[in-house]
Amino acid sequence: MNVCTFVGRLGRDAETRETKNGDQVTGFSLASNVGYGENKSTVWLDCSIWGNRGATLQPALVKGAEITVSGELSEREYTNKEGVVVKTLSLRVNQNSYPVAKETEQAQAPAQPSVSAMDDDDIPF
């Protein structure tokens, strides 16, 4: 069984397309951080959500939104315009959280206390 879970931010707005046989697929790129400190790097995934669920979520799947996705991970290989063979990671999303926009995260973050300048005479001890 191949099930992977990633938390990351969308690298571009999602796009919903229809296949030749009429199925809907919503695609987006996801940037997920790996490691920490000097060893921190970013893994990019091509994600796809099949069916009406993806089309319903598509307006909220905007660049910068944070989302948690789970699904089947695979490696895809294709030849780009320059004739170079490129390998990418693809995730067929089975479960996801509702995306959270950056603006919403900032609005929900607790306000940082402001620091004001004080004279030595203002300190009570």
PDB file of N, CA and C in Angstrom:
ATOM      1  N   MET A   1       0.847  -1.177   0.000  1.00  0.00           N
ATOM      2  CA  MET A   1       0.000   0.000   0.000  1.00  0.00           C
ATOM      3  C   MET A   1       0.891   1.238   0.000  1.00  0.00           C
ATOM      4  N   ASN A   2       0.584   2.191  -0.837  1.00  0.00           N
ATOM      5  CA  ASN A   2       1.370   3.401  -1.020  1.00  0.00           C
ATOM      6  C   ASN A   2       0.514   4.604  -0.629  1.00  0.00           C
ATOM      7  N   VAL A   3       0.684   5.088   0.611  1.00  0.00           N
ATOM      8  CA  VAL A   3      -0.048   6.269   1.065  1.00  0.00           C
ATOM      9  C   VAL A   3       0.950   7.226   1.694  1.00  0.00           C
ATOM     10  N   CYS A   4       0.995   8.442   1.193  1.00  0.00           N
ATOM     11  CA  CYS A   4       1.898   9.471   1.703  1.00  0.00           C
ATOM     12  C   CYS A   4       1.091  10.700   2.071  1.00  0.00           C
ATOM     13  N   THR A   5       1.543  11.407   3.101  1.00  0.00           N
ATOM     14  CA  THR A   5       0.885  12.638   3.535  1.00  0.00           C
ATOM     15  C   THR A   5       1.895  13.771   3.485  1.00  0.00           C
ATOM     16  N   PHE A   6       1.483  14.897   2.926  1.00  0.00           N
ATOM     17  CA  PHE A   6       2.332  16.076   2.810  1.00  0.00           C
ATOM     18  C   PHE A   6       1.576  17.305   3.280  1.00  0.00           C
ATOM     19  N   VAL A   7       2.297  18.216   3.910  1.00  0.00           N
ATOM     20  CA  VAL A   7       1.765  19.533   4.256  1.00  0.00           C
ATOM     21  C   VAL A   7       2.620  20.525   3.489  1.00  0.00           C
ATOM     22  N   GLY A   8       1.971  21.450   2.803  1.00  0.00           N
ATOM     23  CA  GLY A   8       2.734  22.418   2.032  1.00  0.00           C
ATOM     24  C   GLY A   8       1.866  23.546   1.537  1.00  0.00           C
ATOM     25  N   ARG A   9       2.475  24.368   0.700  1.00  0.00           N
ATOM     26  CA  ARG A   9       1.790  25.520   0.113  1.00  0.00           C
ATOM     27  C   ARG A   9       1.715  25.346  -1.400  1.00  0.00           C
ATOM     28  N   LEU A  10       0.614  25.824  -1.965  1.00  0.00           N
ATOM     29  CA  LEU A  10       0.431  25.734  -3.404  1.00  0.00           C
ATOM     30  C   LEU A  10       1.388  26.684  -4.116  1.00  0.00           C
ATOM     31  N   GLY A  11       2.026  26.161  -5.154  1.00  0.00           N
ATOM     32  CA  GLY A  11       2.959  26.960  -5.934  1.00  0.00           C
ATOM     33  C   GLY A  11       2.288  27.735  -7.059  1.00  0.00           C
ATOM     34  N   ARG A  12       1.057  27.380  -7.371  1.00  0.00           N
ATOM     35  CA  ARG A  12       0.283  28.070  -8.411  1.00  0.00           C
ATOM     36  C   ARG A  12      -1.191  27.791  -8.153  1.00  0.00           C
ATOM     37  N   ASP A  13      -2.041  28.598  -8.754  1.00  0.00           N
ATOM     38  CA  ASP A  13      -3.481  28.366  -8.637  1.00  0.00           C
ATOM     39  C   ASP A  13      -3.834  27.034  -9.306  1.00  0.00           C
ATOM     40  N   ALA A  14      -4.788  26.332  -8.719  1.00  0.00           N
ATOM     41  CA  ALA A  14      -5.234  25.055  -9.273  1.00  0.00           C
ATOM     42  C   ALA A  14      -6.020  25.267 -10.558  1.00  0.00           C
ATOM     43  N   GLU A  15      -5.957  24.276 -11.437  1.00  0.00           N
ATOM     44  CA  GLU A  15      -6.695  24.307 -12.694  1.00  0.00           C
ATOM     45  C   GLU A  15      -7.515  23.028 -12.806  1.00  0.00           C
ATOM     46  N   THR A  16      -8.780  23.176 -13.171  1.00  0.00           N
ATOM     47  CA  THR A  16      -9.640  22.013 -13.382  1.00  0.00           C
ATOM     48  C   THR A  16      -9.817  21.802 -14.877  1.00  0.00           C
ATOM     49  N   ARG A  17      -9.573  20.567 -15.306  1.00  0.00           N
ATOM     50  CA  ARG A  17      -9.713  20.210 -16.719  1.00  0.00           C
ATOM     51  C   ARG A  17     -10.623  18.993 -16.832  1.00  0.00           C
ATOM     52  N   GLU A  18     -11.034  18.731 -18.037  1.00  0.00           N
ATOM     53  CA  GLU A  18     -11.868  17.565 -18.294  1.00  0.00           C
ATOM     54  C   GLU A  18     -11.112  16.641 -19.232  1.00  0.00           C
ATOM     55  N   THR A  19     -11.081  15.345 -18.916  1.00  0.00           N
ATOM     56  CA  THR A  19     -10.407  14.374 -19.771  1.00  0.00           C
ATOM     57  C   THR A  19     -11.281  14.061 -20.985  1.00  0.00           C
ATOM     58  N   LYS A  20     -10.732  13.314 -21.923  1.00  0.00           N
ATOM     59  CA  LYS A  20     -11.470  12.956 -23.133  1.00  0.00           C
ATOM     60  C   LYS A  20     -12.740  12.177 -22.829  1.00  0.00           C
ATOM     61  N   ASN A  21     -12.710  11.382 -21.757  1.00  0.00           N
ATOM     62  CA  ASN A  21     -13.904  10.589 -21.435  1.00  0.00           C
ATOM     63  C   ASN A  21     -14.839  11.312 -20.457  1.00  0.00           C
ATOM     64  N   GLY A  22     -14.609  12.614 -20.191  1.00  0.00           N
ATOM     65  CA  GLY A  22     -15.532  13.422 -19.397  1.00  0.00           C
ATOM     66  C   GLY A  22     -15.240  13.516 -17.914  1.00  0.00           C
ATOM     67  N   ASP A  23     -14.174  12.873 -17.429  1.00  0.00           N
ATOM     68  CA  ASP A  23     -13.819  12.970 -16.014  1.00  0.00           C
ATOM     69  C   ASP A  23     -13.168  14.317 -15.727  1.00  0.00           C
ATOM     70  N   GLN A  24     -13.427  14.864 -14.546  1.00  0.00           N
ATOM     71  CA  GLN A  24     -12.794  16.115 -14.132  1.00  0.00           C
ATOM     72  C   GLN A  24     -11.554  15.810 -13.306  1.00  0.00           C
ATOM     73  N   VAL A  25     -10.491  16.588 -13.528  1.00  0.00           N
ATOM     74  CA  VAL A  25      -9.279  16.469 -12.724  1.00  0.00           C
ATOM     75  C   VAL A  25      -8.782  17.883 -12.423  1.00  0.00           C
ATOM     76  N   THR A  26      -8.475  18.115 -11.144  1.00  0.00           N
ATOM     77  CA  THR A  26      -7.962  19.412 -10.697  1.00  0.00           C
ATOM     78  C   THR A  26      -6.504  19.222 -10.330  1.00  0.00           C
ATOM     79  N   GLY A  27      -5.632  20.012 -10.929  1.00  0.00           N
ATOM     80  CA  GLY A  27      -4.196  19.877 -10.709  1.00  0.00           C
ATOM     81  C   GLY A  27      -3.587  21.127 -10.103  1.00  0.00           C
ATOM     82  N   PHE A  28      -2.572  20.914  -9.267  1.00  0.00           N
ATOM     83  CA  PHE A  28      -1.832  22.029  -8.669  1.00  0.00           C
ATOM     84  C   PHE A  28      -0.461  21.524  -8.228  1.00  0.00           C
ATOM     85  N   SER A  29       0.470  22.451  -8.025  1.00  0.00           N
ATOM     86  CA  SER A  29       1.788  22.081  -7.523  1.00  0.00           C
ATOM     87  C   SER A  29       1.841  22.414  -6.038  1.00  0.00           C
ATOM     88  N   LEU A  30       2.553  21.578  -5.292  1.00  0.00           N
ATOM     89  CA  LEU A  30       2.650  21.733  -3.848  1.00  0.00           C
ATOM     90  C   LEU A  30       4.120  21.758  -3.447  1.00  0.00           C
ATOM     91  N   ALA A  31       4.501  22.762  -2.662  1.00  0.00           N
ATOM     92  CA  ALA A  31       5.857  22.867  -2.124  1.00  0.00           C
ATOM     93  C   ALA A  31       5.823  22.435  -0.666  1.00  0.00           C
ATOM     94  N   SER A  32       6.572  21.395  -0.338  1.00  0.00           N
ATOM     95  CA  SER A  32       6.612  20.876   1.027  1.00  0.00           C
ATOM     96  C   SER A  32       8.052  20.923   1.521  1.00  0.00           C
ATOM     97  N   ASN A  33       8.266  21.529   2.693  1.00  0.00           N
ATOM     98  CA  ASN A  33       9.609  21.645   3.248  1.00  0.00           C
ATOM     99  C   ASN A  33      10.033  20.337   3.904  1.00  0.00           C
ATOM    100  N   VAL A  34      11.311  20.015   3.740  1.00  0.00           N
ATOM    101  CA  VAL A  34      11.904  18.815   4.297  1.00  0.00           C
ATOM    102  C   VAL A  34      13.151  19.232   5.069  1.00  0.00           C
ATOM    103  N   GLY A  35      13.353  18.659   6.243  1.00  0.00           N
ATOM    104  CA  GLY A  35      14.541  18.979   7.031  1.00  0.00           C
ATOM    105  C   GLY A  35      14.380  20.282   7.778  1.00  0.00           C
ATOM    106  N   TYR A  36      15.477  20.744   8.366  1.00  0.00           N
ATOM    107  CA  TYR A  36      15.445  21.989   9.125  1.00  0.00           C
ATOM    108  C   TYR A  36      16.836  22.611   9.117  1.00  0.00           C
ATOM    109  N   GLY A  37      16.893  23.882   9.500  1.00  0.00           N
ATOM    110  CA  GLY A  37      18.170  24.592   9.550  1.00  0.00           C
ATOM    111  C   GLY A  37      18.850  24.643   8.198  1.00  0.00           C
ATOM    112  N   GLU A  38      20.165  24.374   8.205  1.00  0.00           N
ATOM    113  CA  GLU A  38      20.949  24.402   6.964  1.00  0.00           C
ATOM    114  C   GLU A  38      20.589  23.249   6.030  1.00  0.00           C
ATOM    115  N   ASN A  39      19.963  22.205   6.576  1.00  0.00           N
ATOM    116  CA  ASN A  39      19.585  21.035   5.781  1.00  0.00           C
ATOM    117  C   ASN A  39      18.177  21.143   5.210  1.00  0.00           C
ATOM    118  N   LYS A  40      17.532  22.290   5.362  1.00  0.00           N
ATOM    119  CA  LYS A  40      16.161  22.467   4.890  1.00  0.00           C
ATOM    120  C   LYS A  40      16.134  22.579   3.364  1.00  0.00           C
ATOM    121  N   SER A  41      15.217  21.844   2.774  1.00  0.00           N
ATOM    122  CA  SER A  41      15.032  21.920   1.318  1.00  0.00           C
ATOM    123  C   SER A  41      13.539  21.814   1.026  1.00  0.00           C
ATOM    124  N   THR A  42      13.180  21.987  -0.234  1.00  0.00           N
ATOM    125  CA  THR A  42      11.782  21.951  -0.645  1.00  0.00           C
ATOM    126  C   THR A  42      11.576  20.846  -1.667  1.00  0.00           C
ATOM    127  N   VAL A  43      10.538  20.048  -1.448  1.00  0.00           N
ATOM    128  CA  VAL A  43      10.143  19.009  -2.398  1.00  0.00           C
ATOM    129  C   VAL A  43       8.904  19.513  -3.117  1.00  0.00           C
ATOM    130  N   TRP A  44       8.922  19.458  -4.452  1.00  0.00           N
ATOM    131  CA  TRP A  44       7.780  19.893  -5.259  1.00  0.00           C
ATOM    132  C   TRP A  44       7.023  18.673  -5.753  1.00  0.00           C
ATOM    133  N   LEU A  45       5.699  18.707  -5.596  1.00  0.00           N
ATOM    134  CA  LEU A  45       4.833  17.621  -6.051  1.00  0.00           C
ATOM    135  C   LEU A  45       3.798  18.160  -7.023  1.00  0.00           C
ATOM    136  N   ASP A  46       3.492  17.376  -8.048  1.00  0.00           N
ATOM    137  CA  ASP A  46       2.343  17.653  -8.904  1.00  0.00           C
ATOM    138  C   ASP A  46       1.183  16.871  -8.310  1.00  0.00           C
ATOM    139  N   CYS A  47       0.143  17.571  -7.870  1.00  0.00           N
ATOM    140  CA  CYS A  47      -0.997  16.920  -7.222  1.00  0.00           C
ATOM    141  C   CYS A  47      -2.206  16.946  -8.145  1.00  0.00           C
ATOM    142  N   SER A  48      -3.024  15.897  -8.045  1.00  0.00           N
ATOM    143  CA  SER A  48      -4.262  15.853  -8.815  1.00  0.00           C
ATOM    144  C   SER A  48      -5.383  15.308  -7.932  1.00  0.00           C
ATOM    145  N   ILE A  49      -6.534  15.972  -8.024  1.00  0.00           N
ATOM    146  CA  ILE A  49      -7.737  15.531  -7.336  1.00  0.00           C
ATOM    147  C   ILE A  49      -8.760  15.226  -8.417  1.00  0.00           C
ATOM    148  N   TRP A  50      -9.226  13.997  -8.452  1.00  0.00           N
ATOM    149  CA  TRP A  50     -10.155  13.575  -9.486  1.00  0.00           C
ATOM    150  C   TRP A  50     -11.593  13.742  -9.029  1.00  0.00           C
ATOM    151  N   GLY A  51     -12.465  14.082  -9.974  1.00  0.00           N
ATOM    152  CA  GLY A  51     -13.903  14.154  -9.716  1.00  0.00           C
ATOM    153  C   GLY A  51     -14.380  15.513  -9.234  1.00  0.00           C
ATOM    154  N   ASN A  52     -15.612  15.523  -8.749  1.00  0.00           N
ATOM    155  CA  ASN A  52     -16.262  16.777  -8.334  1.00  0.00           C
ATOM    156  C   ASN A  52     -15.587  17.430  -7.138  1.00  0.00           C
ATOM    157  N   ARG A  53     -14.950  16.637  -6.272  1.00  0.00           N
ATOM    158  CA  ARG A  53     -14.309  17.198  -5.080  1.00  0.00           C
ATOM    159  C   ARG A  53     -13.254  18.232  -5.469  1.00  0.00           C
ATOM    160  N   GLY A  54     -12.457  17.923  -6.470  1.00  0.00           N
ATOM    161  CA  GLY A  54     -11.434  18.857  -6.932  1.00  0.00           C
ATOM    162  C   GLY A  54     -12.038  20.108  -7.535  1.00  0.00           C
ATOM    163  N   ALA A  55     -13.077  19.937  -8.333  1.00  0.00           N
ATOM    164  CA  ALA A  55     -13.735  21.094  -8.946  1.00  0.00           C
ATOM    165  C   ALA A  55     -14.373  21.985  -7.890  1.00  0.00           C
ATOM    166  N   THR A  56     -14.911  21.379  -6.825  1.00  0.00           N
ATOM    167  CA  THR A  56     -15.517  22.143  -5.747  1.00  0.00           C
ATOM    168  C   THR A  56     -14.459  22.929  -4.966  1.00  0.00           C
ATOM    169  N   LEU A  57     -13.301  22.316  -4.742  1.00  0.00           N
ATOM    170  CA  LEU A  57     -12.224  22.959  -3.986  1.00  0.00           C
ATOM    171  C   LEU A  57     -11.442  23.982  -4.804  1.00  0.00           C
ATOM    172  N   GLN A  58     -11.504  23.882  -6.109  1.00  0.00           N
ATOM    173  CA  GLN A  58     -10.657  24.677  -7.004  1.00  0.00           C
ATOM    174  C   GLN A  58     -10.630  26.172  -6.687  1.00  0.00           C
ATOM    175  N   PRO A  59     -11.735  26.845  -6.368  1.00  0.00           N
ATOM    176  CA  PRO A  59     -11.655  28.278  -6.064  1.00  0.00           C
ATOM    177  C   PRO A  59     -10.802  28.596  -4.826  1.00  0.00           C
ATOM    178  N   ALA A  60     -10.696  27.660  -3.886  1.00  0.00           N
ATOM    179  CA  ALA A  60      -9.906  27.885  -2.675  1.00  0.00           C
ATOM    180  C   ALA A  60      -8.450  27.461  -2.846  1.00  0.00           C
ATOM    181  N   LEU A  61      -8.151  26.734  -3.905  1.00  0.00           N
ATOM    182  CA  LEU A  61      -6.793  26.256  -4.142  1.00  0.00           C
ATOM    183  C   LEU A  61      -5.997  27.317  -4.900  1.00  0.00           C
ATOM    184  N   VAL A  62      -5.559  28.326  -4.183  1.00  0.00           N
ATOM    185  CA  VAL A  62      -4.845  29.448  -4.780  1.00  0.00           C
ATOM    186  C   VAL A  62      -3.390  29.450  -4.329  1.00  0.00           C
ATOM    187  N   LYS A  63      -2.553  30.062  -5.121  1.00  0.00           N
ATOM    188  CA  LYS A  63      -1.125  30.141  -4.840  1.00  0.00           C
ATOM    189  C   LYS A  63      -0.900  30.656  -3.417  1.00  0.00           C
ATOM    190  N   GLY A  64      -0.060  29.939  -2.666  1.00  0.00           N
ATOM    191  CA  GLY A  64       0.282  30.343  -1.304  1.00  0.00           C
ATOM    192  C   GLY A  64      -0.565  29.706  -0.227  1.00  0.00           C
ATOM    193  N   ALA A  65      -1.717  29.129  -0.584  1.00  0.00           N
ATOM    194  CA  ALA A  65      -2.585  28.502   0.415  1.00  0.00           C
ATOM    195  C   ALA A  65      -1.909  27.251   0.971  1.00  0.00           C
ATOM    196  N   GLU A  66      -2.074  27.030   2.283  1.00  0.00           N
ATOM    197  CA  GLU A  66      -1.515  25.836   2.910  1.00  0.00           C
ATOM    198  C   GLU A  66      -2.565  24.732   2.928  1.00  0.00           C
ATOM    199  N   ILE A  67      -2.125  23.507   2.631  1.00  0.00           N
ATOM    200  CA  ILE A  67      -3.047  22.376   2.579  1.00  0.00           C
ATOM    201  C   ILE A  67      -2.301  21.111   2.996  1.00  0.00           C
ATOM    202  N   THR A  68      -3.025  20.184   3.578  1.00  0.00           N
ATOM    203  CA  THR A  68      -2.511  18.851   3.887  1.00  0.00           C
ATOM    204  C   THR A  68      -3.176  17.888   2.921  1.00  0.00           C
ATOM    205  N   VAL A  69      -2.361  17.084   2.243  1.00  0.00           N
ATOM    206  CA  VAL A  69      -2.887  16.124   1.270  1.00  0.00           C
ATOM    207  C   VAL A  69      -2.330  14.734   1.556  1.00  0.00           C
ATOM    208  N   SER A  70      -3.136  13.725   1.294  1.00  0.00           N
ATOM    209  CA  SER A  70      -2.711  12.321   1.404  1.00  0.00           C
ATOM    210  C   SER A  70      -3.136  11.603   0.145  1.00  0.00           C
ATOM    211  N   GLY A  71      -2.304  10.680  -0.280  1.00  0.00           N
ATOM    212  CA  GLY A  71      -2.661   9.923  -1.467  1.00  0.00           C
ATOM    213  C   GLY A  71      -1.540   9.033  -1.931  1.00  0.00           C
ATOM    214  N   GLU A  72      -1.667   8.582  -3.160  1.00  0.00           N
ATOM    215  CA  GLU A  72      -0.715   7.653  -3.763  1.00  0.00           C
ATOM    216  C   GLU A  72       0.385   8.425  -4.492  1.00  0.00           C
ATOM    217  N   LEU A  73       1.625   8.186  -4.083  1.00  0.00           N
ATOM    218  CA  LEU A  73       2.779   8.866  -4.665  1.00  0.00           C
ATOM    219  C   LEU A  73       3.355   8.035  -5.797  1.00  0.00           C
ATOM    220  N   SER A  74       3.694   8.690  -6.894  1.00  0.00           N
ATOM    221  CA  SER A  74       4.327   8.002  -8.017  1.00  0.00           C
ATOM    222  C   SER A  74       5.335   8.940  -8.671  1.00  0.00           C
ATOM    223  N   GLU A  75       6.209   8.361  -9.458  1.00  0.00           N
ATOM    224  CA  GLU A  75       7.187   9.143 -10.199  1.00  0.00           C
ATOM    225  C   GLU A  75       6.766   9.146 -11.668  1.00  0.00           C
ATOM    226  N   ARG A  76       6.788  10.330 -12.257  1.00  0.00           N
ATOM    227  CA  ARG A  76       6.381  10.473 -13.652  1.00  0.00           C
ATOM    228  C   ARG A  76       7.587  10.956 -14.447  1.00  0.00           C
ATOM    229  N   GLU A  77       7.717  10.477 -15.648  1.00  0.00           N
ATOM    230  CA  GLU A  77       8.842  10.852 -16.500  1.00  0.00           C
ATOM    231  C   GLU A  77       8.314  11.392 -17.821  1.00  0.00           C
ATOM    232  N   TYR A  78       8.891  12.526 -18.259  1.00  0.00           N
ATOM    233  CA  TYR A  78       8.492  13.087 -19.547  1.00  0.00           C
ATOM    234  C   TYR A  78       9.683  13.817 -20.166  1.00  0.00           C
ATOM    235  N   THR A  79       9.565  14.132 -21.443  1.00  0.00           N
ATOM    236  CA  THR A  79      10.606  14.866 -22.154  1.00  0.00           C
ATOM    237  C   THR A  79      10.141  16.309 -22.326  1.00  0.00           C
ATOM    238  N   ASN A  80      10.962  17.265 -21.853  1.00  0.00           N
ATOM    239  CA  ASN A  80      10.577  18.678 -21.938  1.00  0.00           C
ATOM    240  C   ASN A  80      10.855  19.248 -23.329  1.00  0.00           C
ATOM    241  N   LYS A  81      10.608  20.544 -23.494  1.00  0.00           N
ATOM    242  CA  LYS A  81      10.752  21.197 -24.806  1.00  0.00           C
ATOM    243  C   LYS A  81      12.178  21.149 -25.342  1.00  0.00           C
ATOM    244  N   GLU A  82      13.161  21.099 -24.426  1.00  0.00           N
ATOM    245  CA  GLU A  82      14.567  21.053 -24.837  1.00  0.00           C
ATOM    246  C   GLU A  82      15.040  19.637 -25.137  1.00  0.00           C
ATOM    247  N   GLY A  83      14.153  18.646 -25.018  1.00  0.00           N
ATOM    248  CA  GLY A  83      14.498  17.262 -25.292  1.00  0.00           C
ATOM    249  C   GLY A  83      15.128  16.536 -24.117  1.00  0.00           C
ATOM    250  N   VAL A  84      15.080  17.133 -22.927  1.00  0.00           N
ATOM    251  CA  VAL A  84      15.666  16.529 -21.738  1.00  0.00           C
ATOM    252  C   VAL A  84      14.601  15.718 -21.003  1.00  0.00           C
ATOM    253  N   VAL A  85      14.967  14.513 -20.578  1.00  0.00           N
ATOM    254  CA  VAL A  85      14.049  13.672 -19.813  1.00  0.00           C
ATOM    255  C   VAL A  85      14.014  14.194 -18.380  1.00  0.00           C
ATOM    256  N   VAL A  86      12.805  14.490 -17.881  1.00  0.00           N
ATOM    257  CA  VAL A  86      12.609  15.051 -16.549  1.00  0.00           C
ATOM    258  C   VAL A  86      11.752  14.090 -15.734  1.00  0.00           C
ATOM    259  N   LYS A  87      12.133  13.901 -14.467  1.00  0.00           N
ATOM    260  CA  LYS A  87      11.344  13.076 -13.551  1.00  0.00           C
ATOM    261  C   LYS A  87      10.692  13.989 -12.521  1.00  0.00           C
ATOM    262  N   THR A  88       9.411  13.751 -12.255  1.00  0.00           N
ATOM    263  CA  THR A  88       8.691  14.523 -11.251  1.00  0.00           C
ATOM    264  C   THR A  88       7.930  13.573 -10.331  1.00  0.00           C
ATOM    265  N   LEU A  89       7.626  14.079  -9.121  1.00  0.00           N
ATOM    266  CA  LEU A  89       6.798  13.328  -8.187  1.00  0.00           C
ATOM    267  C   LEU A  89       5.351  13.756  -8.368  1.00  0.00           C
ATOM    268  N   SER A  90       4.463  12.784  -8.436  1.00  0.00           N
ATOM    269  CA  SER A  90       3.037  13.058  -8.585  1.00  0.00           C
ATOM    270  C   SER A  90       2.289  12.418  -7.431  1.00  0.00           C
ATOM    271  N   LEU A  91       1.274  13.124  -6.944  1.00  0.00           N
ATOM    272  CA  LEU A  91       0.441  12.604  -5.869  1.00  0.00           C
ATOM    273  C   LEU A  91      -1.002  12.627  -6.325  1.00  0.00           C
ATOM    274  N   ARG A  92      -1.618  11.459  -6.336  1.00  0.00           N
ATOM    275  CA  ARG A  92      -3.057  11.361  -6.626  1.00  0.00           C
ATOM    276  C   ARG A  92      -3.759  11.487  -5.280  1.00  0.00           C
ATOM    277  N   VAL A  93      -4.358  12.643  -5.036  1.00  0.00           N
ATOM    278  CA  VAL A  93      -4.896  12.981  -3.726  1.00  0.00           C
ATOM    279  C   VAL A  93      -6.179  12.206  -3.449  1.00  0.00           C
ATOM    280  N   ASN A  94      -6.197  11.515  -2.296  1.00  0.00           N
ATOM    281  CA  ASN A  94      -7.390  10.810  -1.839  1.00  0.00           C
ATOM    282  C   ASN A  94      -8.072  11.556  -0.703  1.00  0.00           C
ATOM    283  N   GLN A  95      -7.274  12.223   0.136  1.00  0.00           N
ATOM    284  CA  GLN A  95      -7.804  13.000   1.258  1.00  0.00           C
ATOM    285  C   GLN A  95      -7.057  14.319   1.331  1.00  0.00           C
ATOM    286  N   ASN A  96      -7.752  15.344   1.817  1.00  0.00           N
ATOM    287  CA  ASN A  96      -7.112  16.644   1.965  1.00  0.00           C
ATOM    288  C   ASN A  96      -7.825  17.456   3.037  1.00  0.00           C
ATOM    289  N   SER A  97      -7.095  18.430   3.578  1.00  0.00           N
ATOM    290  CA  SER A  97      -7.715  19.404   4.465  1.00  0.00           C
ATOM    291  C   SER A  97      -8.203  20.550   3.603  1.00  0.00           C
ATOM    292  N   TYR A  98      -9.046  21.398   4.165  1.00  0.00           N
ATOM    293  CA  TYR A  98      -9.482  22.567   3.421  1.00  0.00           C
ATOM    294  C   TYR A  98      -8.326  23.555   3.402  1.00  0.00           C
ATOM    295  N   PRO A  99      -7.998  24.144   2.255  1.00  0.00           N
ATOM    296  CA  PRO A  99      -6.860  25.047   2.167  1.00  0.00           C
ATOM    297  C   PRO A  99      -7.040  26.298   3.031  1.00  0.00           C
ATOM    298  N   VAL A 100      -5.922  26.756   3.600  1.00  0.00           N
ATOM    299  CA  VAL A 100      -5.928  27.976   4.406  1.00  0.00           C
ATOM    300  C   VAL A 100      -5.094  29.014   3.679  1.00  0.00           C
ATOM    301  N   ALA A 101      -5.713  30.144   3.336  1.00  0.00           N
ATOM    302  CA  ALA A 101      -5.004  31.214   2.629  1.00  0.00           C
ATOM    303  C   ALA A 101      -4.040  31.914   3.566  1.00  0.00           C
ATOM    304  N   LYS A 102      -2.934  32.435   3.032  1.00  0.00           N
ATOM    305  CA  LYS A 102      -1.949  33.144   3.849  1.00  0.00           C
ATOM    306  C   LYS A 102      -2.584  34.307   4.603  1.00  0.00           C
ATOM    307  N   GLU A 103      -3.486  35.040   3.958  1.00  0.00           N
ATOM    308  CA  GLU A 103      -4.114  36.195   4.596  1.00  0.00           C
ATOM    309  C   GLU A 103      -4.911  35.749   5.821  1.00  0.00           C
ATOM    310  N   THR A 104      -5.569  34.586   5.730  1.00  0.00           N
ATOM    311  CA  THR A 104      -6.354  34.061   6.851  1.00  0.00           C
ATOM    312  C   THR A 104      -5.435  33.685   7.994  1.00  0.00           C
ATOM    313  N   GLU A 105      -4.292  33.068   7.692  1.00  0.00           N
ATOM    314  CA  GLU A 105      -3.339  32.685   8.735  1.00  0.00           C
ATOM    315  C   GLU A 105      -2.845  33.917   9.473  1.00  0.00           C
ATOM    316  N   GLN A 106      -2.532  34.975   8.736  1.00  0.00           N
ATOM    317  CA  GLN A 106      -2.026  36.193   9.357  1.00  0.00           C
ATOM    318  C   GLN A 106      -3.107  36.849  10.199  1.00  0.00           C
ATOM    319  N   ALA A 107      -4.354  36.804   9.757  1.00  0.00           N
ATOM    320  CA  ALA A 107      -5.446  37.416  10.512  1.00  0.00           C
ATOM    321  C   ALA A 107      -5.716  36.640  11.794  1.00  0.00           C
ATOM    322  N   GLN A 108      -5.496  35.313  11.784  1.00  0.00           N
ATOM    323  CA  GLN A 108      -5.752  34.492  12.955  1.00  0.00           C
ATOM    324  C   GLN A 108      -4.578  34.472  13.918  1.00  0.00           C
ATOM    325  N   ALA A 109      -3.405  34.894  13.469  1.00  0.00           N
ATOM    326  CA  ALA A 109      -2.232  34.866  14.339  1.00  0.00           C
ATOM    327  C   ALA A 109      -2.416  35.860  15.480  1.00  0.00           C
ATOM    328  N   PRO A 110      -1.992  35.472  16.700  1.00  0.00           N
ATOM    329  CA  PRO A 110      -2.128  36.404  17.817  1.00  0.00           C
ATOM    330  C   PRO A 110      -1.257  37.633  17.589  1.00  0.00           C
ATOM    331  N   ALA A 111      -1.765  38.767  18.000  1.00  0.00           N
ATOM    332  CA  ALA A 111      -1.027  40.015  17.827  1.00  0.00           C
ATOM    333  C   ALA A 111       0.217  39.993  18.696  1.00  0.00           C
ATOM    334  N   GLN A 112       1.312  40.443  18.137  1.00  0.00           N
ATOM    335  CA  GLN A 112       2.553  40.520  18.885  1.00  0.00           C
ATOM    336  C   GLN A 112       2.502  41.744  19.784  1.00  0.00           C
ATOM    337  N   PRO A 113       2.907  41.594  21.056  1.00  0.00           N
ATOM    338  CA  PRO A 113       2.886  42.759  21.934  1.00  0.00           C
ATOM    339  C   PRO A 113       3.864  43.808  21.427  1.00  0.00           C
ATOM    340  N   SER A 114       3.441  45.042  21.495  1.00  0.00           N
ATOM    341  CA  SER A 114       4.319  46.102  21.026  1.00  0.00           C
ATOM    342  C   SER A 114       5.301  46.464  22.129  1.00  0.00           C
ATOM    343  N   VAL A 115       6.489  46.808  21.724  1.00  0.00           N
ATOM    344  CA  VAL A 115       7.526  47.197  22.666  1.00  0.00           C
ATOM    345  C   VAL A 115       7.675  48.700  22.573  1.00  0.00           C
ATOM    346  N   SER A 116       7.502  49.360  23.701  1.00  0.00           N
ATOM    347  CA  SER A 116       7.653  50.811  23.691  1.00  0.00           C
ATOM    348  C   SER A 116       8.899  51.175  24.470  1.00  0.00           C
ATOM    349  N   ALA A 117       9.465  52.292  24.108  1.00  0.00           N
ATOM    350  CA  ALA A 117      10.666  52.765  24.783  1.00  0.00           C
ATOM    351  C   ALA A 117      10.309  53.243  26.183  1.00  0.00           C
ATOM    352  N   MET A 118      11.135  52.878  27.159  1.00  0.00           N
ATOM    353  CA  MET A 118      10.916  53.296  28.540  1.00  0.00           C
ATOM    354  C   MET A 118      12.163  54.000  29.043  1.00  0.00           C
ATOM    355  N   ASP A 119      11.943  54.992  29.869  1.00  0.00           N
ATOM    356  CA  ASP A 119      13.059  55.638  30.544  1.00  0.00           C
ATOM    357  C   ASP A 119      13.367  54.847  31.800  1.00  0.00           C
ATOM    358  N   ASP A 120      14.580  54.981  32.289  1.00  0.00           N
ATOM    359  CA  ASP A 120      14.954  54.314  33.527  1.00  0.00           C
ATOM    360  C   ASP A 120      14.060  54.744  34.676  1.00  0.00           C
ATOM    361  N   ASP A 121      13.540  55.988  34.636  1.00  0.00           N
ATOM    362  CA  ASP A 121      12.708  56.513  35.698  1.00  0.00           C
ATOM    363  C   ASP A 121      11.335  55.814  35.733  1.00  0.00           C
ATOM    364  N   ASP A 122      10.923  55.185  34.599  1.00  0.00           N
ATOM    365  CA  ASP A 122       9.625  54.523  34.530  1.00  0.00           C
ATOM    366  C   ASP A 122       9.628  53.126  35.136  1.00  0.00           C
ATOM    367  N   ILE A 123      10.809  52.545  35.355  1.00  0.00           N
ATOM    368  CA  ILE A 123      10.915  51.189  35.901  1.00  0.00           C
ATOM    369  C   ILE A 123      10.676  51.253  37.396  1.00  0.00           C
ATOM    370  N   PRO A 124       9.739  50.443  37.944  1.00  0.00           N
ATOM    371  CA  PRO A 124       9.338  50.563  39.335  1.00  0.00           C
ATOM    372  C   PRO A 124      10.324  49.972  40.344  1.00  0.00           C
ATOM    373  N   PHE A 125      11.413  49.416  39.959  1.00  0.00           N
ATOM    374  CA  PHE A 125      12.358  48.838  40.941  1.00  0.00           C
ATOM    375  C   PHE A 125      13.729  49.407  40.788  1.00  0.00           C
TER     376      PHE A 125
END
